[in-house]
Amino acid sequence: MVASKKTKKAMESINSRLALVMKSGKFTIGYRSTLKSIRQGRSKLIIIANNTPALRKSEIEYYCMLAKVGVHHYSGSNIDLGTACGKYFRVGALCITDPGDSDIIRSMPAE
């Protein structure tokens, strides 16, 4: 029970930081635009939903490893990630290019 409470609290903090990025920062949503921004060297952090197909996930991770960009595996599905972004559609991959007022880039590698 303690572990589930801890993950719920971590999930809430990620969602609140993500909401702040959506309001004040710059981001791209989607697999293709995420890969494009990694290749161009703009990306700071990549967030991937847990039900993203394995091949896509590994390809994004490989690009991030080459570009030295942080990857965070979101613990919810693509529907949950879309809701956390404030969108009414599914989001499999999300690239943060400018965090804005949020401290999401500093807080993600610690987890």
C-alpha atoms as a PDB file:
ATOM      1  CA  MET A   1       0.000   0.000   0.000  1.00  0.00           C
ATOM      2  CA  VAL A   2       2.867   2.378   0.740  1.00  0.00           C
ATOM      3  CA  ALA A   3       4.376   1.826  -2.720  1.00  0.00           C
ATOM      4  CA  SER A   4       1.093   2.622  -4.476  1.00  0.00           C
ATOM      5  CA  LYS A   5       0.690   5.803  -2.440  1.00  0.00           C
ATOM      6  CA  LYS A   6       4.217   6.875  -3.392  1.00  0.00           C
ATOM      7  CA  THR A   7       3.654   6.224  -7.106  1.00  0.00           C
ATOM      8  CA  LYS A   8       0.365   8.132  -7.002  1.00  0.00           C
ATOM      9  CA  LYS A   9       2.105  11.132  -5.444  1.00  0.00           C
ATOM     10  CA  ALA A  10       4.912  10.963  -8.034  1.00  0.00           C
ATOM     11  CA  MET A  11       2.305  10.737 -10.796  1.00  0.00           C
ATOM     12  CA  GLU A  12       0.531  13.836  -9.470  1.00  0.00           C
ATOM     13  CA  SER A  13       3.793  15.802  -9.364  1.00  0.00           C
ATOM     14  CA  ILE A  14       4.609  14.787 -12.947  1.00  0.00           C
ATOM     15  CA  ASN A  15       1.119  15.780 -14.077  1.00  0.00           C
ATOM     16  CA  SER A  16       1.318  19.169 -12.370  1.00  0.00           C
ATOM     17  CA  ARG A  17       4.759  19.862 -13.858  1.00  0.00           C
ATOM     18  CA  LEU A  18       3.497  18.759 -17.248  1.00  0.00           C
ATOM     19  CA  ALA A  19       0.518  21.109 -16.968  1.00  0.00           C
ATOM     20  CA  LEU A  20       2.915  23.981 -16.232  1.00  0.00           C
ATOM     21  CA  VAL A  21       4.982  23.104 -19.312  1.00  0.00           C
ATOM     22  CA  MET A  22       1.803  23.101 -21.423  1.00  0.00           C
ATOM     23  CA  LYS A  23       0.956  26.570 -20.150  1.00  0.00           C
ATOM     24  CA  SER A  24       4.337  28.300 -20.196  1.00  0.00           C
ATOM     25  CA  GLY A  25       6.749  26.163 -22.221  1.00  0.00           C
ATOM     26  CA  LYS A  26       7.222  24.786 -25.706  1.00  0.00           C
ATOM     27  CA  PHE A  27       6.617  21.185 -26.678  1.00  0.00           C
ATOM     28  CA  THR A  28       5.798  18.871 -29.551  1.00  0.00           C
ATOM     29  CA  ILE A  29       3.319  16.034 -29.394  1.00  0.00           C
ATOM     30  CA  GLY A  30       3.594  12.847 -31.400  1.00  0.00           C
ATOM     31  CA  TYR A  31       6.091  10.259 -32.503  1.00  0.00           C
ATOM     32  CA  ARG A  32       7.210  11.823 -35.782  1.00  0.00           C
ATOM     33  CA  SER A  33       7.590  15.358 -34.472  1.00  0.00           C
ATOM     34  CA  THR A  34       9.447  14.027 -31.410  1.00  0.00           C
ATOM     35  CA  LEU A  35      11.982  12.237 -33.618  1.00  0.00           C
ATOM     36  CA  LYS A  36      12.322  15.348 -35.769  1.00  0.00           C
ATOM     37  CA  SER A  37      13.075  17.596 -32.796  1.00  0.00           C
ATOM     38  CA  ILE A  38      15.604  15.080 -31.390  1.00  0.00           C
ATOM     39  CA  ARG A  39      17.399  15.020 -34.759  1.00  0.00           C
ATOM     40  CA  GLN A  40      17.438  18.821 -34.895  1.00  0.00           C
ATOM     41  CA  GLY A  41      18.897  19.006 -31.377  1.00  0.00           C
ATOM     42  CA  ARG A  42      16.058  21.053 -29.881  1.00  0.00           C
ATOM     43  CA  SER A  43      14.727  18.565 -27.347  1.00  0.00           C
ATOM     44  CA  LYS A  44      15.443  18.707 -23.615  1.00  0.00           C
ATOM     45  CA  LEU A  45      13.267  15.857 -22.322  1.00  0.00           C
ATOM     46  CA  ILE A  46      11.203  13.102 -23.925  1.00  0.00           C
ATOM     47  CA  ILE A  47       8.187  11.537 -22.224  1.00  0.00           C
ATOM     48  CA  ILE A  48       6.912   8.196 -23.536  1.00  0.00           C
ATOM     49  CA  ALA A  49       3.622   6.521 -22.536  1.00  0.00           C
ATOM     50  CA  ASN A  50       3.872   2.993 -21.145  1.00  0.00           C
ATOM     51  CA  ASN A  51       1.750   1.405 -23.885  1.00  0.00           C
ATOM     52  CA  THR A  52       3.811   2.802 -26.768  1.00  0.00           C
ATOM     53  CA  PRO A  53       4.846  -0.062 -29.074  1.00  0.00           C
ATOM     54  CA  ALA A  54       8.238  -1.561 -28.202  1.00  0.00           C
ATOM     55  CA  LEU A  55       9.845  -0.773 -31.544  1.00  0.00           C
ATOM     56  CA  ARG A  56       8.867   2.899 -31.357  1.00  0.00           C
ATOM     57  CA  LYS A  57       9.972   3.100 -27.740  1.00  0.00           C
ATOM     58  CA  SER A  58      13.382   1.602 -28.482  1.00  0.00           C
ATOM     59  CA  GLU A  59      13.853   3.850 -31.521  1.00  0.00           C
ATOM     60  CA  ILE A  60      13.121   6.979 -29.469  1.00  0.00           C
ATOM     61  CA  GLU A  61      15.444   5.753 -26.703  1.00  0.00           C
ATOM     62  CA  TYR A  62      18.207   5.119 -29.244  1.00  0.00           C
ATOM     63  CA  TYR A  63      17.894   8.601 -30.733  1.00  0.00           C
ATOM     64  CA  CYS A  64      17.894  10.094 -27.230  1.00  0.00           C
ATOM     65  CA  MET A  65      21.009   8.142 -26.298  1.00  0.00           C
ATOM     66  CA  LEU A  66      22.804   9.511 -29.352  1.00  0.00           C
ATOM     67  CA  ALA A  67      21.619  13.071 -28.702  1.00  0.00           C
ATOM     68  CA  LYS A  68      22.183  12.832 -24.912  1.00  0.00           C
ATOM     69  CA  VAL A  69      18.566  13.725 -24.148  1.00  0.00           C
ATOM     70  CA  GLY A  70      16.697  12.509 -21.066  1.00  0.00           C
ATOM     71  CA  VAL A  71      13.869  10.003 -21.451  1.00  0.00           C
ATOM     72  CA  HIS A  72      11.060   9.568 -18.947  1.00  0.00           C
ATOM     73  CA  HIS A  73       8.725   6.585 -19.134  1.00  0.00           C
ATOM     74  CA  TYR A  74       5.310   7.876 -18.108  1.00  0.00           C
ATOM     75  CA  SER A  75       3.598   5.343 -15.869  1.00  0.00           C
ATOM     76  CA  GLY A  76       0.173   5.829 -17.461  1.00  0.00           C
ATOM     77  CA  SER A  77      -1.164   4.909 -20.874  1.00  0.00           C
ATOM     78  CA  ASN A  78      -1.258   7.189 -23.901  1.00  0.00           C
ATOM     79  CA  ILE A  79      -4.800   8.212 -22.925  1.00  0.00           C
ATOM     80  CA  ASP A  80      -3.557   9.271 -19.465  1.00  0.00           C
ATOM     81  CA  LEU A  81      -0.630  11.180 -20.990  1.00  0.00           C
ATOM     82  CA  GLY A  82      -2.991  13.019 -23.326  1.00  0.00           C
ATOM     83  CA  THR A  83      -5.225  13.942 -20.400  1.00  0.00           C
ATOM     84  CA  ALA A  84      -2.209  15.135 -18.385  1.00  0.00           C
ATOM     85  CA  CYS A  85      -1.269  17.371 -21.329  1.00  0.00           C
ATOM     86  CA  GLY A  86      -4.765  18.843 -21.314  1.00  0.00           C
ATOM     87  CA  LYS A  87      -5.620  17.334 -24.692  1.00  0.00           C
ATOM     88  CA  TYR A  88      -8.670  15.331 -25.686  1.00  0.00           C
ATOM     89  CA  PHE A  89      -6.688  12.823 -27.719  1.00  0.00           C
ATOM     90  CA  ARG A  90      -4.079  10.132 -27.069  1.00  0.00           C
ATOM     91  CA  VAL A  91      -0.404  11.117 -26.800  1.00  0.00           C
ATOM     92  CA  GLY A  92       2.195   8.360 -27.200  1.00  0.00           C
ATOM     93  CA  ALA A  93       5.311  10.539 -27.202  1.00  0.00           C
ATOM     94  CA  LEU A  94       5.937  14.076 -26.035  1.00  0.00           C
ATOM     95  CA  CYS A  95       9.030  16.216 -26.529  1.00  0.00           C
ATOM     96  CA  ILE A  96       9.729  19.210 -24.294  1.00  0.00           C
ATOM     97  CA  THR A  97      11.837  21.809 -26.102  1.00  0.00           C
ATOM     98  CA  ASP A  98      11.465  24.629 -23.572  1.00  0.00           C
ATOM     99  CA  PRO A  99      10.252  23.879 -20.023  1.00  0.00           C
ATOM    100  CA  GLY A 100       9.081  27.440 -19.344  1.00  0.00           C
ATOM    101  CA  ASP A 101       8.401  28.031 -15.636  1.00  0.00           C
ATOM    102  CA  SER A 102       8.419  24.314 -14.804  1.00  0.00           C
ATOM    103  CA  ASP A 103      11.322  22.438 -13.186  1.00  0.00           C
ATOM    104  CA  ILE A 104      10.443  19.211 -15.007  1.00  0.00           C
ATOM    105  CA  ILE A 105      13.903  18.778 -16.598  1.00  0.00           C
ATOM    106  CA  ARG A 106      15.715  18.944 -13.244  1.00  0.00           C
ATOM    107  CA  SER A 107      13.242  16.682 -11.468  1.00  0.00           C
ATOM    108  CA  MET A 108      12.845  13.844 -14.021  1.00  0.00           C
ATOM    109  CA  PRO A 109      16.369  12.294 -14.017  1.00  0.00           C
ATOM    110  CA  ALA A 110      16.123  11.851 -10.234  1.00  0.00           C
ATOM    111  CA  GLU A 111      13.224   9.420 -10.616  1.00  0.00           C
END
